[in-house]
Amino acid sequence: MFCGGELRDFRGRRWASVVLRGAHLIAVISFAATLLRTPPTALPEHAGVAVLISGVLVWLLDLWHRPAHLIEGAGLSMLAKLVLVAAMIAWPELRVPLFWVIVAWSAIFSHAPRSFRNARPGKLRD
């Protein structure tokens, strides 16, 4: 099945992940600066789109590496955050509150125990 426990890899995947995550963080900071009315360092008019694209690329690389990510809390959480970023682009009046929801959401999932992040919603536990 596609969402099994298998892992896939390729030479350089780890560094590709590091570079994508770094680019995503730069895009998030630029977007935050735009939202908070501070002059950003680069491409302020495209900051939200840069966050969305870099986030989707990180998510896709994680999915490719570990297909089960698609049905686990961390993968679903990342997908939800991407939807919220798309909402921020579509509805400018919601950008600041949604930004803080994403920051809080990210902090919870980044620091939660692995058993929470990798839990599969709806799966019964013995």
N, C-alpha and C. Protein backbone atom coordinates (compact mmCIF):
# COMPACT_ATOMS: atom_id res chain seq x y z
N MET A 1 0.84 -1.20 0.00
CA MET A 1 0.00 0.00 0.00
C MET A 1 0.87 1.25 0.00
N PHE A 2 0.43 2.28 -0.62
CA PHE A 2 1.19 3.53 -0.75
C PHE A 2 1.59 4.12 0.59
N CYS A 3 0.74 4.05 1.59
CA CYS A 3 1.00 4.70 2.87
C CYS A 3 1.56 3.72 3.90
N GLY A 4 2.34 2.77 3.46
CA GLY A 4 2.94 1.80 4.37
C GLY A 4 4.08 2.42 5.15
N GLY A 5 4.83 1.58 5.84
CA GLY A 5 5.90 2.05 6.69
C GLY A 5 7.25 2.17 5.99
N GLU A 6 7.29 1.96 4.69
CA GLU A 6 8.56 1.99 3.98
C GLU A 6 9.14 3.41 3.93
N LEU A 7 10.47 3.46 3.86
CA LEU A 7 11.17 4.73 3.68
C LEU A 7 11.85 4.70 2.32
N ARG A 8 11.89 5.85 1.68
CA ARG A 8 12.61 5.97 0.42
C ARG A 8 13.70 7.00 0.61
N ASP A 9 14.73 6.90 -0.19
CA ASP A 9 15.83 7.84 -0.03
C ASP A 9 16.53 8.04 -1.37
N PHE A 10 17.31 9.07 -1.47
CA PHE A 10 18.20 9.28 -2.59
C PHE A 10 19.41 10.04 -2.09
N ARG A 11 20.50 9.89 -2.79
CA ARG A 11 21.75 10.56 -2.39
C ARG A 11 21.49 12.08 -2.41
N GLY A 12 21.73 12.71 -1.28
CA GLY A 12 21.54 14.15 -1.18
C GLY A 12 20.18 14.57 -0.66
N ARG A 13 19.29 13.59 -0.34
CA ARG A 13 17.97 13.96 0.16
C ARG A 13 18.04 14.78 1.43
N ARG A 14 18.93 14.39 2.34
CA ARG A 14 19.06 15.12 3.61
C ARG A 14 19.43 16.57 3.36
N TRP A 15 20.42 16.81 2.47
CA TRP A 15 20.82 18.18 2.18
C TRP A 15 19.74 18.93 1.41
N ALA A 16 19.01 18.24 0.54
CA ALA A 16 17.89 18.89 -0.15
C ALA A 16 16.85 19.33 0.88
N SER A 17 16.60 18.50 1.86
CA SER A 17 15.65 18.85 2.93
C SER A 17 16.15 20.05 3.72
N VAL A 18 17.43 20.06 4.06
CA VAL A 18 18.01 21.18 4.82
C VAL A 18 17.88 22.48 4.02
N VAL A 19 18.23 22.43 2.73
CA VAL A 19 18.15 23.63 1.89
C VAL A 19 16.70 24.10 1.75
N LEU A 20 15.77 23.17 1.49
CA LEU A 20 14.36 23.54 1.35
C LEU A 20 13.81 24.13 2.65
N ARG A 21 14.15 23.53 3.78
CA ARG A 21 13.67 24.04 5.07
C ARG A 21 14.27 25.42 5.36
N GLY A 22 15.52 25.62 4.98
CA GLY A 22 16.14 26.94 5.15
C GLY A 22 15.47 27.98 4.28
N ALA A 23 15.21 27.63 3.02
CA ALA A 23 14.52 28.56 2.12
C ALA A 23 13.12 28.86 2.63
N HIS A 24 12.46 27.83 3.16
CA HIS A 24 11.11 28.03 3.70
C HIS A 24 11.16 28.97 4.90
N LEU A 25 12.13 28.81 5.77
CA LEU A 25 12.26 29.69 6.94
C LEU A 25 12.51 31.13 6.51
N ILE A 26 13.36 31.33 5.51
CA ILE A 26 13.60 32.67 4.99
C ILE A 26 12.31 33.27 4.43
N ALA A 27 11.55 32.47 3.69
CA ALA A 27 10.28 32.94 3.14
C ALA A 27 9.30 33.29 4.26
N VAL A 28 9.24 32.45 5.30
CA VAL A 28 8.33 32.72 6.43
C VAL A 28 8.71 34.03 7.11
N ILE A 29 9.99 34.25 7.34
CA ILE A 29 10.43 35.49 8.00
C ILE A 29 10.10 36.70 7.13
N SER A 30 10.33 36.59 5.84
CA SER A 30 10.00 37.69 4.93
C SER A 30 8.50 37.97 4.94
N PHE A 31 7.70 36.91 4.93
CA PHE A 31 6.24 37.05 4.96
C PHE A 31 5.81 37.68 6.28
N ALA A 32 6.40 37.24 7.38
CA ALA A 32 6.07 37.81 8.69
C ALA A 32 6.41 39.29 8.74
N ALA A 33 7.55 39.66 8.19
CA ALA A 33 7.94 41.07 8.16
C ALA A 33 6.92 41.89 7.38
N THR A 34 6.44 41.33 6.27
CA THR A 34 5.42 42.01 5.47
C THR A 34 4.13 42.14 6.27
N LEU A 35 3.73 41.06 6.93
CA LEU A 35 2.49 41.08 7.71
C LEU A 35 2.56 42.07 8.86
N LEU A 36 3.71 42.15 9.48
CA LEU A 36 3.87 43.01 10.65
C LEU A 36 4.33 44.41 10.28
N ARG A 37 4.31 44.72 9.00
CA ARG A 37 4.59 46.05 8.46
C ARG A 37 6.03 46.51 8.67
N THR A 38 6.94 45.56 8.72
CA THR A 38 8.36 45.87 8.81
C THR A 38 8.94 45.63 7.43
N PRO A 39 9.84 46.49 6.96
CA PRO A 39 10.39 46.28 5.62
C PRO A 39 11.09 44.92 5.51
N PRO A 40 10.61 44.06 4.62
CA PRO A 40 11.25 42.75 4.45
C PRO A 40 12.55 42.88 3.67
N THR A 41 13.33 41.83 3.68
CA THR A 41 14.62 41.88 3.00
C THR A 41 14.51 41.58 1.51
N ALA A 42 13.50 40.80 1.10
CA ALA A 42 13.41 40.44 -0.32
C ALA A 42 11.98 40.09 -0.73
N LEU A 43 11.59 40.51 -1.91
CA LEU A 43 10.34 40.15 -2.56
C LEU A 43 9.09 40.22 -1.68
N PRO A 44 8.79 41.38 -1.08
CA PRO A 44 7.65 41.45 -0.18
C PRO A 44 6.33 41.12 -0.85
N GLU A 45 6.17 41.47 -2.10
CA GLU A 45 4.89 41.21 -2.77
C GLU A 45 4.68 39.73 -3.07
N HIS A 46 5.72 38.96 -3.01
CA HIS A 46 5.61 37.53 -3.29
C HIS A 46 5.93 36.66 -2.08
N ALA A 47 6.02 37.28 -0.91
CA ALA A 47 6.45 36.54 0.28
C ALA A 47 5.50 35.39 0.62
N GLY A 48 4.19 35.63 0.57
CA GLY A 48 3.23 34.57 0.89
C GLY A 48 3.30 33.42 -0.09
N VAL A 49 3.45 33.73 -1.37
CA VAL A 49 3.55 32.69 -2.39
C VAL A 49 4.84 31.89 -2.18
N ALA A 50 5.93 32.58 -1.80
CA ALA A 50 7.20 31.89 -1.53
C ALA A 50 7.04 30.93 -0.35
N VAL A 51 6.31 31.34 0.69
CA VAL A 51 6.06 30.46 1.83
C VAL A 51 5.26 29.24 1.38
N LEU A 52 4.22 29.46 0.59
CA LEU A 52 3.38 28.36 0.13
C LEU A 52 4.17 27.38 -0.74
N ILE A 53 4.91 27.90 -1.69
CA ILE A 53 5.67 27.02 -2.60
C ILE A 53 6.75 26.26 -1.86
N SER A 54 7.53 26.96 -1.02
CA SER A 54 8.60 26.26 -0.29
C SER A 54 8.01 25.26 0.70
N GLY A 55 6.89 25.58 1.32
CA GLY A 55 6.23 24.65 2.23
C GLY A 55 5.72 23.42 1.51
N VAL A 56 5.13 23.60 0.33
CA VAL A 56 4.65 22.47 -0.46
C VAL A 56 5.83 21.58 -0.87
N LEU A 57 6.94 22.19 -1.26
CA LEU A 57 8.12 21.40 -1.65
C LEU A 57 8.67 20.59 -0.47
N VAL A 58 8.73 21.19 0.72
CA VAL A 58 9.18 20.47 1.91
C VAL A 58 8.23 19.30 2.18
N TRP A 59 6.92 19.57 2.13
CA TRP A 59 5.91 18.54 2.40
C TRP A 59 6.02 17.40 1.39
N LEU A 60 6.17 17.73 0.11
CA LEU A 60 6.29 16.70 -0.92
C LEU A 60 7.55 15.86 -0.75
N LEU A 61 8.67 16.49 -0.39
CA LEU A 61 9.90 15.74 -0.16
C LEU A 61 9.73 14.80 1.03
N ASP A 62 9.09 15.29 2.09
CA ASP A 62 8.82 14.43 3.26
C ASP A 62 7.90 13.27 2.88
N LEU A 63 6.88 13.55 2.06
CA LEU A 63 5.97 12.49 1.61
C LEU A 63 6.68 11.46 0.74
N TRP A 64 7.54 11.94 -0.13
CA TRP A 64 8.27 11.01 -0.99
C TRP A 64 9.15 10.11 -0.14
N HIS A 65 9.83 10.69 0.85
CA HIS A 65 10.74 9.94 1.71
C HIS A 65 9.99 8.94 2.58
N ARG A 66 8.84 9.36 3.08
CA ARG A 66 8.08 8.51 4.01
C ARG A 66 6.60 8.64 3.68
N PRO A 67 6.10 7.83 2.77
CA PRO A 67 4.70 7.93 2.33
C PRO A 67 3.68 7.88 3.45
N ALA A 68 3.98 7.20 4.54
CA ALA A 68 3.03 7.12 5.67
C ALA A 68 2.79 8.49 6.29
N HIS A 69 3.69 9.43 6.02
CA HIS A 69 3.56 10.80 6.53
C HIS A 69 2.19 11.40 6.14
N LEU A 70 1.67 10.95 5.00
CA LEU A 70 0.40 11.46 4.49
C LEU A 70 -0.78 11.17 5.43
N ILE A 71 -0.69 10.09 6.18
CA ILE A 71 -1.82 9.72 7.04
C ILE A 71 -1.50 9.86 8.53
N GLU A 72 -0.39 10.53 8.84
CA GLU A 72 -0.01 10.75 10.24
C GLU A 72 -0.23 12.20 10.62
N GLY A 73 -0.30 12.44 11.92
CA GLY A 73 -0.55 13.78 12.43
C GLY A 73 0.36 14.85 11.87
N ALA A 74 1.67 14.58 11.82
CA ALA A 74 2.62 15.59 11.34
C ALA A 74 2.38 15.96 9.88
N GLY A 75 2.13 14.96 9.04
CA GLY A 75 1.88 15.24 7.62
C GLY A 75 0.57 15.95 7.40
N LEU A 76 -0.45 15.54 8.12
CA LEU A 76 -1.76 16.20 8.02
C LEU A 76 -1.69 17.62 8.59
N SER A 77 -0.91 17.79 9.66
CA SER A 77 -0.72 19.12 10.24
C SER A 77 -0.05 20.05 9.24
N MET A 78 0.96 19.54 8.56
CA MET A 78 1.66 20.36 7.57
C MET A 78 0.73 20.74 6.43
N LEU A 79 -0.10 19.80 6.00
CA LEU A 79 -1.07 20.09 4.95
C LEU A 79 -2.06 21.17 5.42
N ALA A 80 -2.51 21.08 6.66
CA ALA A 80 -3.43 22.09 7.20
C ALA A 80 -2.77 23.46 7.24
N LYS A 81 -1.49 23.51 7.61
CA LYS A 81 -0.78 24.79 7.63
C LYS A 81 -0.67 25.38 6.23
N LEU A 82 -0.44 24.52 5.23
CA LEU A 82 -0.37 25.01 3.85
C LEU A 82 -1.72 25.57 3.40
N VAL A 83 -2.79 24.94 3.81
CA VAL A 83 -4.14 25.46 3.51
C VAL A 83 -4.32 26.83 4.17
N LEU A 84 -3.85 26.97 5.41
CA LEU A 84 -3.96 28.26 6.10
C LEU A 84 -3.12 29.34 5.42
N VAL A 85 -1.94 28.97 4.91
CA VAL A 85 -1.12 29.94 4.17
C VAL A 85 -1.86 30.36 2.89
N ALA A 86 -2.48 29.42 2.20
CA ALA A 86 -3.26 29.76 1.00
C ALA A 86 -4.40 30.69 1.37
N ALA A 87 -5.04 30.46 2.53
CA ALA A 87 -6.11 31.35 3.00
C ALA A 87 -5.57 32.74 3.29
N MET A 88 -4.36 32.81 3.81
CA MET A 88 -3.74 34.11 4.08
C MET A 88 -3.53 34.90 2.79
N ILE A 89 -3.16 34.20 1.74
CA ILE A 89 -2.94 34.85 0.45
C ILE A 89 -4.28 35.32 -0.12
N ALA A 90 -5.31 34.50 0.02
CA ALA A 90 -6.62 34.81 -0.54
C ALA A 90 -7.36 35.90 0.23
N TRP A 91 -7.23 35.92 1.56
CA TRP A 91 -7.96 36.86 2.41
C TRP A 91 -7.00 37.69 3.26
N PRO A 92 -6.51 38.80 2.71
CA PRO A 92 -5.53 39.63 3.41
C PRO A 92 -5.97 40.07 4.81
N GLU A 93 -7.26 40.25 5.02
CA GLU A 93 -7.73 40.72 6.32
C GLU A 93 -7.53 39.67 7.43
N LEU A 94 -7.31 38.42 7.04
CA LEU A 94 -7.10 37.34 8.01
C LEU A 94 -5.63 36.98 8.19
N ARG A 95 -4.75 37.67 7.49
CA ARG A 95 -3.34 37.28 7.48
C ARG A 95 -2.69 37.27 8.86
N VAL A 96 -2.84 38.33 9.60
CA VAL A 96 -2.15 38.39 10.90
C VAL A 96 -2.68 37.35 11.88
N PRO A 97 -4.00 37.22 12.08
CA PRO A 97 -4.45 36.18 13.01
C PRO A 97 -4.08 34.76 12.55
N LEU A 98 -4.18 34.49 11.23
CA LEU A 98 -3.82 33.17 10.74
C LEU A 98 -2.32 32.91 10.89
N PHE A 99 -1.52 33.95 10.72
CA PHE A 99 -0.07 33.80 10.91
C PHE A 99 0.22 33.31 12.33
N TRP A 100 -0.42 33.92 13.32
CA TRP A 100 -0.16 33.52 14.71
C TRP A 100 -0.73 32.14 15.02
N VAL A 101 -1.82 31.76 14.36
CA VAL A 101 -2.34 30.39 14.53
C VAL A 101 -1.30 29.40 13.98
N ILE A 102 -0.73 29.70 12.84
CA ILE A 102 0.28 28.82 12.24
C ILE A 102 1.52 28.74 13.12
N VAL A 103 1.96 29.86 13.66
CA VAL A 103 3.13 29.85 14.54
C VAL A 103 2.87 28.96 15.76
N ALA A 104 1.72 29.14 16.40
CA ALA A 104 1.40 28.33 17.58
C ALA A 104 1.27 26.86 17.20
N TRP A 105 0.57 26.58 16.12
CA TRP A 105 0.37 25.22 15.62
C TRP A 105 1.73 24.56 15.34
N SER A 106 2.62 25.30 14.70
CA SER A 106 3.95 24.78 14.37
C SER A 106 4.75 24.47 15.62
N ALA A 107 4.66 25.34 16.61
CA ALA A 107 5.40 25.12 17.86
C ALA A 107 4.92 23.84 18.54
N ILE A 108 3.61 23.62 18.55
CA ILE A 108 3.07 22.42 19.18
C ILE A 108 3.55 21.17 18.45
N PHE A 109 3.40 21.13 17.13
CA PHE A 109 3.79 19.93 16.40
C PHE A 109 5.30 19.72 16.37
N SER A 110 6.08 20.79 16.37
CA SER A 110 7.54 20.65 16.36
C SER A 110 8.08 20.06 17.65
N HIS A 111 7.42 20.35 18.75
CA HIS A 111 7.94 19.94 20.05
C HIS A 111 7.13 18.83 20.70
N ALA A 112 6.10 18.37 20.04
CA ALA A 112 5.27 17.28 20.59
C ALA A 112 6.04 15.97 20.53
N PRO A 113 5.68 15.04 21.39
CA PRO A 113 6.33 13.72 21.33
C PRO A 113 6.07 13.03 19.99
N ARG A 114 6.99 12.19 19.60
CA ARG A 114 6.88 11.45 18.33
C ARG A 114 5.56 10.68 18.26
N SER A 115 5.13 10.13 19.41
CA SER A 115 3.88 9.35 19.43
C SER A 115 2.69 10.22 19.02
N PHE A 116 2.75 11.52 19.30
CA PHE A 116 1.68 12.45 18.90
C PHE A 116 1.85 12.83 17.43
N ARG A 117 3.07 13.20 17.04
CA ARG A 117 3.31 13.64 15.67
C ARG A 117 3.05 12.54 14.65
N ASN A 118 3.38 11.30 15.01
CA ASN A 118 3.24 10.19 14.06
C ASN A 118 1.96 9.39 14.24
N ALA A 119 1.07 9.86 15.12
CA ALA A 119 -0.21 9.17 15.33
C ALA A 119 -1.03 9.24 14.05
N ARG A 120 -1.78 8.19 13.82
CA ARG A 120 -2.66 8.14 12.64
C ARG A 120 -4.09 8.40 13.13
N PRO A 121 -4.65 9.57 12.78
CA PRO A 121 -6.01 9.89 13.22
C PRO A 121 -7.01 8.81 12.81
N GLY A 122 -7.89 8.48 13.74
CA GLY A 122 -8.93 7.51 13.46
C GLY A 122 -8.52 6.07 13.66
N LYS A 123 -7.23 5.83 13.87
CA LYS A 123 -6.77 4.46 14.08
C LYS A 123 -6.98 4.09 15.54
N LEU A 124 -7.64 2.99 15.77
CA LEU A 124 -7.89 2.52 17.13
C LEU A 124 -6.62 1.94 17.72
N ARG A 125 -6.41 2.24 18.97
CA ARG A 125 -5.24 1.70 19.67
C ARG A 125 -5.66 0.53 20.53
N ASP A 126 -4.78 -0.47 20.61
CA ASP A 126 -5.06 -1.64 21.44
C ASP A 126 -4.75 -1.36 22.89
